[in-house]
Amino acid sequence: MSKERPMKVLIISSEAAPYAKSGGLGDVVGSLPAALKKNGIDARVVIPKYKSIKDEYFKECRYLGSFQTQLSWRRQSAGIIERSGDFTTYFIENDYYFGRDNYYGYDDDNERFAFFCKAVLEMLQFIDFFPDVLHCNDWQSGPVCLLLKEYFNKFADYKNIKTLFTIHNLQYQGTFSRDTLEMLDVSDWCFGNVEFYGSMNYMKTGLVYSDMINTVSETYAEEIKTFQYGYGLDGVMRSCAGKLCGILNGIDYEKYDPATDKRIYANYTINSLDRKKINKHELQKELGLEQKDVPMISIISRLADQKGLDLVYWVAEEILSRDIQFVVLGTGEKRLEDFFINLEKRFPGKMSANILFDDTLAQKIYAASDMFLMPSLFEPCGLGQIFSLRYGTVPIVRKTGGLSDTVTHFDAKTKTGNGFVFENYTSDGLMWAINDALKVYNSGEWKYVVENAMKCNFSWDVSAEKYIALYKKITKNS
């Protein structure tokens, strides 16, 4: 790589906020490129142009043209739209594949994302942008690594391109029938590298064919080598251990700043924590909770057992027997949605179930709450606890994945620690951590754990430097 120009990185993803987001992947891809650009990297993003992306985002875009992409006997048009901003974003347009109501969940997801991956690689010559690193994310972009190694690197402009494959959640792998390989027009012998119990696995494809792999926390990078967290790929992860590392996700500390955030009721800093109480009182009014100064515990989450909500299910009444208030925001499994709605009916003025997702309400809850509950079964990184730390809302978490890397149990004697942590995945463990948090809250030492939380730095500035070091490691022989 020439030292006379900035390193070029194309981040390939099925989601990027604010355009398309169903979880943490969208948040990461929507934030990391801006942090990379601040550090001199020419970072760009490419995602599909989904039907659900708001028209307002395309008002100041450039349509660059289209080309035909071949998938075995199929030919489909790939339109390219470019949008400028803090960083350049490209959209791959094809209404047959992406003009649908949802991002995923279709019988032809294998074909949809085979098309996307192939179109991304063909797009490089179309826009005359050949990056040093293709940064692929999760199973939807796994075939990029295969296509580059088995076909595109035969061409001069592609031969020095390296790939980084980031695992955001190993549970979701993109497993499809064997004939999926035919769409990619590569040799049939490649099947042995991507086979998963007789099927083709897009996640495994990215793992095997990438130059480097990372996941979104150091602890999760170790956990996925085990049977418990590997979801059938633990053997692959162990074999890839030499090219695997963990880099913790970050958040935008300028956007998510309690001192300036316009979405919350009252701004505050570590030196004006009394103003945080204003947010609690105002949220109580908005949600119809009793106007009293008691500990407010919140959950902002996808409502699913993976998030530890089966544990909450068993102890919710015990939690609500305390002198506290409980606020939930999120959508997910219907039985959990119905459970929290029923709790609100049974504990009026004390429990608020908000079965929706609203970014503004989420920020109000982060700012208003005293404690943030995230007792996940597993958590590759987790952003909720990082948001809560930023707003001085103390996390109560299970020791797993990124939760383990960001939250340490508060020690009243040494005044160290930024939250409350339990290890065993049991309802008893969860209640032990909640009771310990309430004990500290009522002891007069609460300010220390809140201050410790707000002093943490999990910004993208820190994580971006680690990604840049990884990019340089991948390309050092280029």
Protein backbone atom coordinates (compact mmCIF):
# COMPACT_ATOMS: atom_id res chain seq x y z
CA MET A 1 0.00 0.00 0.00
CA SER A 2 1.29 3.41 -0.93
CA LYS A 3 2.20 5.74 1.91
CA GLU A 4 1.20 8.74 -0.19
CA ARG A 5 -2.54 8.14 0.04
CA PRO A 6 -4.92 7.27 2.88
CA MET A 7 -5.85 3.67 3.46
CA LYS A 8 -9.11 2.79 1.73
CA VAL A 9 -11.72 0.61 3.43
CA LEU A 10 -15.13 -0.46 2.15
CA ILE A 11 -17.47 -1.67 4.90
CA ILE A 12 -19.95 -4.20 3.51
CA SER A 13 -23.09 -4.76 5.53
CA SER A 14 -26.75 -5.67 5.31
CA GLU A 15 -27.58 -2.78 7.66
CA ALA A 16 -26.37 0.71 8.51
CA ALA A 17 -28.10 3.31 10.67
CA PRO A 18 -29.95 5.52 10.04
CA TYR A 19 -30.98 3.87 6.78
CA ALA A 20 -31.60 0.28 7.84
CA LYS A 21 -31.31 -1.05 11.36
CA SER A 22 -32.70 -4.07 13.18
CA GLY A 23 -30.07 -4.29 15.92
CA GLY A 24 -26.50 -3.57 16.93
CA LEU A 25 -25.06 -4.28 13.46
CA GLY A 26 -26.84 -1.21 12.08
CA ASP A 27 -25.55 0.96 14.92
CA VAL A 28 -21.96 -0.18 14.41
CA VAL A 29 -21.88 0.29 10.65
CA GLY A 30 -23.60 3.66 11.01
CA SER A 31 -20.95 4.95 13.44
CA LEU A 32 -17.58 3.27 12.84
CA PRO A 33 -16.87 4.83 9.39
CA ALA A 34 -17.08 8.39 10.73
CA ALA A 35 -14.60 7.55 13.48
CA LEU A 36 -12.28 5.97 10.90
CA LYS A 37 -12.45 9.07 8.71
CA LYS A 38 -11.44 11.26 11.66
CA ASN A 39 -8.30 9.13 11.79
CA GLY A 40 -7.44 9.60 8.12
CA ILE A 41 -9.03 6.44 6.67
CA ASP A 42 -11.04 6.71 3.45
CA ALA A 43 -13.89 4.62 4.85
CA ARG A 44 -17.05 4.01 2.84
CA VAL A 45 -20.11 1.79 3.30
CA VAL A 46 -22.29 -0.28 0.97
CA ILE A 47 -25.70 -1.76 1.84
CA PRO A 48 -28.75 -2.94 -0.10
CA LYS A 49 -31.37 -0.34 -1.04
CA TYR A 50 -34.31 -1.71 0.89
CA LYS A 51 -37.89 -0.64 0.25
CA SER A 52 -38.19 0.52 3.87
CA ILE A 53 -35.40 3.12 3.65
CA LYS A 54 -37.03 6.56 3.86
CA ASP A 55 -37.23 8.54 0.63
CA GLU A 56 -35.76 11.60 2.35
CA TYR A 57 -32.35 9.92 2.41
CA PHE A 58 -32.24 9.84 -1.38
CA LYS A 59 -33.07 13.50 -2.06
CA GLU A 60 -29.43 14.53 -2.36
CA CYS A 61 -27.99 11.34 -3.81
CA ARG A 62 -26.32 10.59 -7.13
CA TYR A 63 -27.44 7.73 -9.33
CA LEU A 64 -24.21 6.37 -10.77
CA GLY A 65 -25.75 3.92 -13.24
CA SER A 66 -26.29 0.17 -13.36
CA PHE A 67 -24.74 -3.06 -14.60
CA GLN A 68 -25.81 -6.69 -14.98
CA THR A 69 -24.83 -9.28 -12.38
CA GLN A 70 -24.82 -12.97 -13.25
CA LEU A 71 -25.89 -15.65 -10.74
CA SER A 72 -25.50 -18.97 -12.54
CA TRP A 73 -28.19 -18.71 -15.26
CA ARG A 74 -29.84 -15.64 -13.70
CA ARG A 75 -29.10 -12.07 -14.76
CA GLN A 76 -30.15 -9.19 -12.55
CA SER A 77 -29.59 -5.44 -12.74
CA ALA A 78 -27.59 -3.75 -10.00
CA GLY A 79 -28.16 0.00 -9.71
CA ILE A 80 -25.65 2.09 -7.75
CA ILE A 81 -26.70 5.11 -5.70
CA GLU A 82 -24.15 7.25 -3.87
CA ARG A 83 -24.89 9.40 -0.83
CA SER A 84 -22.37 11.79 0.72
CA GLY A 85 -22.23 12.85 4.35
CA ASP A 86 -19.83 12.18 7.18
CA PHE A 87 -18.77 9.31 4.93
CA THR A 88 -19.85 7.98 1.54
CA THR A 89 -22.57 5.34 1.44
CA TYR A 90 -23.40 3.26 -1.63
CA PHE A 91 -26.75 1.53 -2.09
CA ILE A 92 -27.15 -1.54 -4.30
CA GLU A 93 -30.54 -1.21 -5.97
CA ASN A 94 -32.60 -4.15 -7.17
CA ASP A 95 -36.32 -4.11 -6.45
CA TYR A 96 -36.75 -7.83 -7.16
CA TYR A 97 -34.47 -8.71 -4.25
CA PHE A 98 -34.76 -5.71 -1.93
CA GLY A 99 -38.12 -4.10 -2.71
CA ARG A 100 -39.73 -6.02 0.16
CA ASP A 101 -41.13 -5.13 3.56
CA ASN A 102 -38.41 -6.82 5.63
CA TYR A 103 -34.63 -7.15 5.48
CA TYR A 104 -34.48 -10.91 6.05
CA GLY A 105 -36.64 -13.96 6.47
CA TYR A 106 -37.37 -14.91 2.86
CA ASP A 107 -36.98 -18.31 1.21
CA ASP A 108 -34.54 -16.83 -1.31
CA ASP A 109 -32.28 -15.03 1.19
CA ASN A 110 -29.42 -17.14 -0.15
CA GLU A 111 -29.96 -15.71 -3.64
CA ARG A 112 -30.64 -12.17 -2.42
CA PHE A 113 -27.34 -11.91 -0.56
CA ALA A 114 -25.37 -13.88 -3.15
CA PHE A 115 -26.48 -11.16 -5.57
CA PHE A 116 -25.55 -8.42 -3.10
CA CYS A 117 -22.06 -9.83 -2.49
CA LYS A 118 -21.30 -10.33 -6.16
CA ALA A 119 -22.69 -6.91 -7.08
CA VAL A 120 -20.51 -5.24 -4.42
CA LEU A 121 -17.35 -6.72 -5.92
CA GLU A 122 -18.38 -5.81 -9.47
CA MET A 123 -19.25 -2.31 -8.25
CA LEU A 124 -15.60 -1.60 -7.40
CA GLN A 125 -14.57 -1.37 -11.04
CA PHE A 126 -17.80 0.44 -11.89
CA ILE A 127 -17.04 3.28 -9.41
CA ASP A 128 -13.24 2.97 -9.74
CA PHE A 129 -12.74 2.47 -6.01
CA PHE A 130 -10.47 -0.42 -5.09
CA PRO A 131 -10.05 -0.54 -1.32
CA ASP A 132 -7.14 -1.96 0.60
CA VAL A 133 -9.59 -3.79 2.89
CA LEU A 134 -13.09 -5.13 2.37
CA HIS A 135 -14.59 -5.12 5.86
CA CYS A 136 -17.40 -7.70 5.81
CA ASN A 137 -20.02 -8.03 8.53
CA ASP A 138 -21.99 -11.15 9.52
CA TRP A 139 -23.30 -13.94 7.31
CA GLN A 140 -24.93 -11.70 4.72
CA SER A 141 -21.51 -10.62 3.42
CA GLY A 142 -19.66 -13.92 3.93
CA PRO A 143 -19.68 -14.83 0.21
CA VAL A 144 -17.61 -11.71 -0.56
CA CYS A 145 -14.57 -13.40 0.98
CA LEU A 146 -15.10 -16.54 -1.10
CA LEU A 147 -15.72 -14.67 -4.36
CA LEU A 148 -12.62 -12.52 -3.90
CA LYS A 149 -10.32 -15.49 -3.22
CA GLU A 150 -11.77 -17.88 -5.80
CA TYR A 151 -12.49 -15.52 -8.68
CA PHE A 152 -11.96 -11.77 -8.47
CA ASN A 153 -8.36 -11.76 -7.25
CA LYS A 154 -7.33 -13.12 -10.66
CA PHE A 155 -7.70 -9.54 -11.90
CA ALA A 156 -4.96 -6.99 -11.29
CA ASP A 157 -7.12 -4.41 -9.50
CA TYR A 158 -8.40 -7.01 -7.04
CA LYS A 159 -5.36 -9.14 -6.29
CA ASN A 160 -4.05 -7.06 -3.35
CA ILE A 161 -7.42 -6.51 -1.64
CA LYS A 162 -7.62 -8.07 1.84
CA THR A 163 -10.70 -9.05 3.83
CA LEU A 164 -11.70 -8.61 7.46
CA PHE A 165 -14.77 -10.53 8.59
CA THR A 166 -16.58 -9.28 11.70
CA ILE A 167 -18.89 -11.56 13.68
CA HIS A 168 -21.64 -9.60 15.39
CA ASN A 169 -23.65 -12.65 16.47
CA LEU A 170 -22.55 -16.21 15.68
CA GLN A 171 -26.02 -17.59 16.35
CA TYR A 172 -27.29 -16.29 13.00
CA GLN A 173 -25.33 -18.04 10.25
CA GLY A 174 -27.20 -18.08 6.93
CA THR A 175 -27.41 -21.83 6.28
CA PHE A 176 -28.81 -22.80 2.88
CA SER A 177 -29.06 -25.77 0.49
CA ARG A 178 -25.94 -27.08 -1.21
CA ASP A 179 -26.98 -25.79 -4.66
CA THR A 180 -26.56 -22.23 -3.32
CA LEU A 181 -22.89 -22.55 -4.28
CA GLU A 182 -23.87 -22.71 -7.96
CA MET A 183 -25.16 -19.11 -7.83
CA LEU A 184 -21.68 -17.87 -7.01
CA ASP A 185 -20.11 -19.47 -10.11
CA VAL A 186 -17.12 -20.90 -8.27
CA SER A 187 -15.68 -24.41 -8.42
CA ASP A 188 -17.74 -27.14 -6.79
CA TRP A 189 -14.69 -28.27 -4.81
CA CYS A 190 -15.14 -25.11 -2.68
CA PHE A 191 -18.10 -26.81 -1.02
CA GLY A 192 -15.79 -28.71 1.30
CA ASN A 193 -14.66 -25.38 2.77
CA VAL A 194 -18.14 -23.97 3.39
CA GLU A 195 -20.10 -27.14 4.17
CA PHE A 196 -22.15 -27.30 7.37
CA TYR A 197 -23.98 -30.60 7.93
CA GLY A 198 -24.57 -30.99 4.20
CA SER A 199 -25.60 -27.39 3.61
CA MET A 200 -23.79 -24.20 2.64
CA ASN A 201 -23.15 -21.84 5.53
CA TYR A 202 -22.53 -18.14 4.70
CA MET A 203 -21.04 -17.42 8.14
CA LYS A 204 -18.55 -20.28 7.77
CA THR A 205 -17.76 -19.00 4.26
CA GLY A 206 -16.65 -15.66 5.71
CA LEU A 207 -14.69 -17.33 8.50
CA VAL A 208 -12.76 -19.68 6.25
CA TYR A 209 -12.03 -17.33 3.34
CA SER A 210 -11.30 -14.05 5.16
CA ASP A 211 -7.75 -12.88 5.89
CA MET A 212 -8.63 -11.88 9.46
CA ILE A 213 -11.64 -12.33 11.74
CA ASN A 214 -12.76 -10.22 14.63
CA THR A 215 -15.76 -10.18 16.87
CA VAL A 216 -17.20 -7.40 18.94
CA SER A 217 -15.61 -8.06 22.33
CA GLU A 218 -12.53 -9.84 23.60
CA THR A 219 -14.48 -12.18 25.86
CA TYR A 220 -16.88 -13.20 23.08
CA ALA A 221 -13.87 -14.02 20.87
CA GLU A 222 -12.93 -16.65 23.46
CA GLU A 223 -16.49 -17.82 24.18
CA ILE A 224 -17.26 -18.71 20.55
CA LYS A 225 -14.48 -21.31 20.59
CA THR A 226 -16.59 -23.32 23.05
CA PHE A 227 -19.49 -25.70 22.44
CA GLN A 228 -21.85 -23.55 24.52
CA TYR A 229 -21.44 -20.40 22.41
CA GLY A 230 -20.19 -21.76 19.09
CA TYR A 231 -23.55 -22.86 17.64
CA GLY A 232 -21.91 -25.69 15.73
CA LEU A 233 -18.99 -23.58 14.50
CA ASP A 234 -16.82 -23.81 17.61
CA GLY A 235 -14.45 -26.21 15.83
CA VAL A 236 -14.08 -23.75 12.96
CA MET A 237 -13.46 -20.94 15.44
CA ARG A 238 -10.73 -22.95 17.16
CA SER A 239 -9.09 -23.72 13.81
CA CYS A 240 -9.23 -19.99 12.94
CA ALA A 241 -7.88 -18.88 16.34
CA GLY A 242 -4.66 -17.57 14.79
CA LYS A 243 -6.54 -14.95 12.78
CA LEU A 244 -9.24 -14.14 15.37
CA CYS A 245 -9.36 -11.20 17.79
CA GLY A 246 -11.92 -9.15 19.68
CA ILE A 247 -12.53 -5.40 19.34
CA LEU A 248 -15.21 -3.90 21.55
CA ASN A 249 -17.94 -1.88 19.87
CA GLY A 250 -18.21 1.79 20.75
CA ILE A 251 -20.81 4.54 20.64
CA ASP A 252 -20.70 8.12 19.40
CA TYR A 253 -19.86 10.10 22.54
CA GLU A 254 -20.80 13.39 20.88
CA LYS A 255 -24.28 12.25 19.86
CA TYR A 256 -24.91 10.40 23.12
CA ASP A 257 -23.87 13.03 25.64
CA PRO A 258 -26.13 13.80 28.62
CA ALA A 259 -24.66 17.30 28.73
CA THR A 260 -25.98 18.20 25.26
CA ASP A 261 -28.54 15.56 24.23
CA LYS A 262 -31.67 17.43 23.11
CA ARG A 263 -33.82 14.32 23.35
CA ILE A 264 -33.76 14.19 27.17
CA TYR A 265 -35.70 16.42 29.56
CA ALA A 266 -32.74 18.02 31.35
CA ASN A 267 -29.04 18.01 30.53
CA TYR A 268 -26.51 17.09 33.19
CA THR A 269 -22.86 16.20 33.74
CA ILE A 270 -20.87 14.25 36.28
CA ASN A 271 -20.62 17.52 38.23
CA SER A 272 -24.37 18.21 38.19
CA LEU A 273 -25.92 14.82 38.91
CA ASP A 274 -28.82 16.37 40.83
CA ARG A 275 -30.20 17.40 37.44
CA LYS A 276 -30.47 13.72 36.46
CA LYS A 277 -33.37 13.49 38.92
CA ILE A 278 -35.31 15.98 36.79
CA ASN A 279 -35.31 13.39 34.03
CA LYS A 280 -36.75 10.78 36.39
CA HIS A 281 -39.54 13.07 37.56
CA GLU A 282 -40.46 14.11 34.01
CA LEU A 283 -40.45 10.53 32.75
CA GLN A 284 -42.71 9.53 35.64
CA LYS A 285 -45.18 12.16 34.45
CA GLU A 286 -44.98 11.03 30.82
CA LEU A 287 -45.43 7.34 31.63
CA GLY A 288 -48.03 7.74 34.37
CA LEU A 289 -45.80 6.52 37.19
CA GLU A 290 -46.09 7.73 40.78
CA GLN A 291 -44.21 10.97 41.50
CA LYS A 292 -41.74 9.76 44.09
CA ASP A 293 -37.98 9.44 44.44
CA VAL A 294 -37.44 5.69 44.41
CA PRO A 295 -34.92 3.61 42.41
CA MET A 296 -36.00 3.32 38.78
CA ILE A 297 -34.91 0.11 37.04
CA SER A 298 -35.21 -0.08 33.26
CA ILE A 299 -34.94 -2.53 30.40
CA ILE A 300 -34.43 -1.33 26.81
CA SER A 301 -34.15 -4.43 24.69
CA ARG A 302 -35.39 -6.82 22.08
CA LEU A 303 -37.80 -8.92 24.13
CA ALA A 304 -36.27 -12.38 23.82
CA ASP A 305 -34.94 -15.09 26.11
CA GLN A 306 -31.39 -14.49 24.80
CA LYS A 307 -31.53 -11.13 26.57
CA GLY A 308 -32.11 -12.87 29.90
CA LEU A 309 -35.78 -11.99 30.03
CA ASP A 310 -36.74 -15.53 30.98
CA LEU A 311 -34.89 -14.81 34.24
CA VAL A 312 -36.80 -11.54 34.63
CA TYR A 313 -40.03 -13.47 33.98
CA TRP A 314 -39.47 -15.56 37.10
CA VAL A 315 -38.48 -12.73 39.46
CA ALA A 316 -40.49 -9.75 38.17
CA GLU A 317 -42.99 -9.91 41.02
CA GLU A 318 -40.17 -10.14 43.55
CA ILE A 319 -38.52 -7.10 41.95
CA LEU A 320 -41.79 -5.18 42.07
CA SER A 321 -42.29 -6.11 45.72
CA ARG A 322 -39.42 -3.71 46.45
CA ASP A 323 -39.90 0.06 46.73
CA ILE A 324 -38.86 0.65 43.12
CA GLN A 325 -40.28 1.52 39.71
CA PHE A 326 -39.81 -0.65 36.63
CA VAL A 327 -39.77 0.63 33.03
CA VAL A 328 -39.58 -1.61 29.94
CA LEU A 329 -39.14 -0.52 26.31
CA GLY A 330 -38.95 -2.92 23.38
CA THR A 331 -40.67 -5.43 21.16
CA GLY A 332 -40.13 -9.13 20.52
CA GLU A 333 -41.65 -12.44 21.55
CA LYS A 334 -45.39 -12.07 22.06
CA ARG A 335 -45.43 -14.02 25.33
CA LEU A 336 -42.92 -11.55 26.79
CA GLU A 337 -44.75 -8.53 25.40
CA ASP A 338 -48.00 -9.83 26.96
CA PHE A 339 -46.20 -10.59 30.23
CA PHE A 340 -44.93 -7.02 30.67
CA ILE A 341 -48.28 -5.53 29.61
CA ASN A 342 -49.99 -7.66 32.26
CA LEU A 343 -47.46 -6.56 34.89
CA GLU A 344 -48.30 -2.93 34.15
CA LYS A 345 -51.99 -3.68 34.73
CA ARG A 346 -51.24 -5.42 38.01
CA PHE A 347 -48.80 -2.77 39.29
CA PRO A 348 -50.22 0.56 38.08
CA GLY A 349 -48.07 3.58 38.86
CA LYS A 350 -45.12 1.30 39.54
CA MET A 351 -44.61 -0.52 36.25
CA SER A 352 -44.56 0.90 32.70
CA ALA A 353 -44.51 -1.44 29.68
CA ASN A 354 -43.80 0.32 26.39
CA ILE A 355 -44.14 -2.28 23.64
CA LEU A 356 -42.60 -0.31 20.80
CA PHE A 357 -39.25 1.07 19.89
CA ASP A 358 -38.71 4.79 19.98
CA ASP A 359 -35.19 6.25 19.94
CA THR A 360 -36.24 9.43 21.75
CA LEU A 361 -38.07 7.55 24.49
CA ALA A 362 -35.06 5.27 24.83
CA GLN A 363 -32.80 8.25 25.52
CA LYS A 364 -35.28 9.63 28.05
CA ILE A 365 -35.26 6.28 29.85
CA TYR A 366 -31.45 6.05 29.84
CA ALA A 367 -31.28 9.54 31.35
CA ALA A 368 -34.05 9.00 33.91
CA SER A 369 -33.25 5.55 35.25
CA ASP A 370 -31.01 4.69 38.15
CA MET A 371 -30.31 1.10 37.07
CA PHE A 372 -30.28 -0.68 33.72
CA LEU A 373 -31.05 -4.39 33.60
CA MET A 374 -29.24 -6.56 30.99
CA PRO A 375 -28.98 -10.15 32.29
CA SER A 376 -28.20 -11.74 28.90
CA LEU A 377 -27.70 -15.45 28.32
CA PHE A 378 -24.98 -14.39 25.87
CA GLU A 379 -24.03 -10.98 24.52
CA PRO A 380 -21.40 -10.57 21.78
CA CYS A 381 -20.90 -6.94 22.78
CA GLY A 382 -24.05 -5.17 23.83
CA LEU A 383 -24.61 -1.46 23.38
CA GLY A 384 -27.34 -0.94 25.97
CA GLN A 385 -24.94 -1.14 28.90
CA ILE A 386 -22.56 1.28 27.14
CA PHE A 387 -25.37 3.79 26.62
CA SER A 388 -26.42 3.41 30.25
CA LEU A 389 -22.87 3.97 31.52
CA ARG A 390 -22.64 7.13 29.43
CA TYR A 391 -25.81 8.48 31.08
CA GLY A 392 -24.84 7.49 34.62
CA THR A 393 -27.44 4.74 34.76
CA VAL A 394 -25.80 1.83 36.52
CA PRO A 395 -25.91 -1.49 34.64
CA ILE A 396 -26.86 -4.78 36.27
CA VAL A 397 -25.55 -7.52 33.98
CA ARG A 398 -24.53 -11.14 33.70
CA LYS A 399 -20.84 -11.88 33.24
CA THR A 400 -20.73 -12.83 29.56
CA GLY A 401 -19.31 -11.48 26.29
CA GLY A 402 -19.10 -7.72 26.01
CA LEU A 403 -20.94 -7.27 29.30
CA SER A 404 -17.97 -8.86 31.02
CA ASP A 405 -15.59 -6.51 29.17
CA THR A 406 -17.44 -3.30 30.05
CA VAL A 407 -18.99 -3.75 33.50
CA THR A 408 -17.18 -4.49 36.78
CA HIS A 409 -18.90 -5.16 40.08
CA PHE A 410 -18.92 -2.23 42.51
CA ASP A 411 -16.84 -2.70 45.65
CA ALA A 412 -18.13 -0.47 48.44
CA LYS A 413 -14.84 -0.69 50.35
CA THR A 414 -12.58 0.47 47.52
CA LYS A 415 -15.25 2.54 45.73
CA THR A 416 -14.27 0.84 42.45
CA GLY A 417 -16.52 -0.72 39.83
CA ASN A 418 -19.15 0.72 37.50
CA GLY A 419 -22.06 -1.70 37.91
CA PHE A 420 -23.31 -4.96 39.37
CA VAL A 421 -22.43 -8.34 37.89
CA PHE A 422 -23.65 -11.90 38.51
CA GLU A 423 -22.10 -15.02 36.97
CA ASN A 424 -24.45 -18.01 36.98
CA TYR A 425 -27.43 -17.78 34.64
CA THR A 426 -30.09 -18.17 37.33
CA SER A 427 -32.91 -16.05 38.69
CA ASP A 428 -31.25 -16.25 42.11
CA GLY A 429 -28.08 -14.75 40.65
CA LEU A 430 -30.07 -11.94 39.07
CA MET A 431 -31.88 -11.13 42.32
CA TRP A 432 -28.57 -11.16 44.22
CA ALA A 433 -27.21 -8.47 41.87
CA ILE A 434 -30.40 -6.39 42.05
CA ASN A 435 -30.48 -6.57 45.84
CA ASP A 436 -26.80 -5.59 46.04
CA ALA A 437 -27.48 -2.60 43.78
CA LEU A 438 -30.46 -1.52 45.91
CA LYS A 439 -28.35 -1.89 49.06
CA VAL A 440 -25.71 0.46 47.66
CA TYR A 441 -28.40 2.85 46.40
CA ASN A 442 -29.78 3.18 49.93
CA SER A 443 -26.36 3.35 51.62
CA GLY A 444 -25.28 6.84 50.57
CA GLU A 445 -22.50 5.46 48.34
CA TRP A 446 -24.50 5.46 45.13
CA LYS A 447 -22.78 8.56 43.78
CA TYR A 448 -19.47 6.68 43.58
CA VAL A 449 -20.76 3.97 41.28
CA VAL A 450 -22.57 6.57 39.13
CA GLU A 451 -19.41 8.65 38.81
CA ASN A 452 -17.38 5.56 37.93
CA ALA A 453 -19.90 4.74 35.21
CA MET A 454 -19.74 8.22 33.68
CA LYS A 455 -15.92 8.25 33.71
CA CYS A 456 -15.78 5.23 31.39
CA ASN A 457 -14.73 5.76 27.78
CA PHE A 458 -16.27 3.32 25.33
CA SER A 459 -16.31 5.76 22.42
CA TRP A 460 -15.67 4.84 18.80
CA ASP A 461 -12.47 6.89 18.99
CA VAL A 462 -10.91 4.13 21.08
CA SER A 463 -12.29 1.23 19.02
CA ALA A 464 -11.48 2.90 15.67
CA GLU A 465 -7.79 2.98 16.55
CA LYS A 466 -7.89 -0.77 17.15
CA TYR A 467 -9.61 -1.38 13.81
CA ILE A 468 -7.01 0.74 12.03
CA ALA A 469 -4.22 -1.28 13.65
CA LEU A 470 -5.96 -4.45 12.45
CA TYR A 471 -6.34 -3.09 8.90
CA LYS A 472 -2.62 -2.28 8.87
CA LYS A 473 -1.78 -5.75 10.10
CA ILE A 474 -3.84 -7.31 7.31
CA THR A 475 -2.25 -5.16 4.59
CA LYS A 476 1.33 -5.06 5.84
CA ASN A 477 2.51 -7.39 3.08
CA SER A 478 0.65 -5.54 0.31
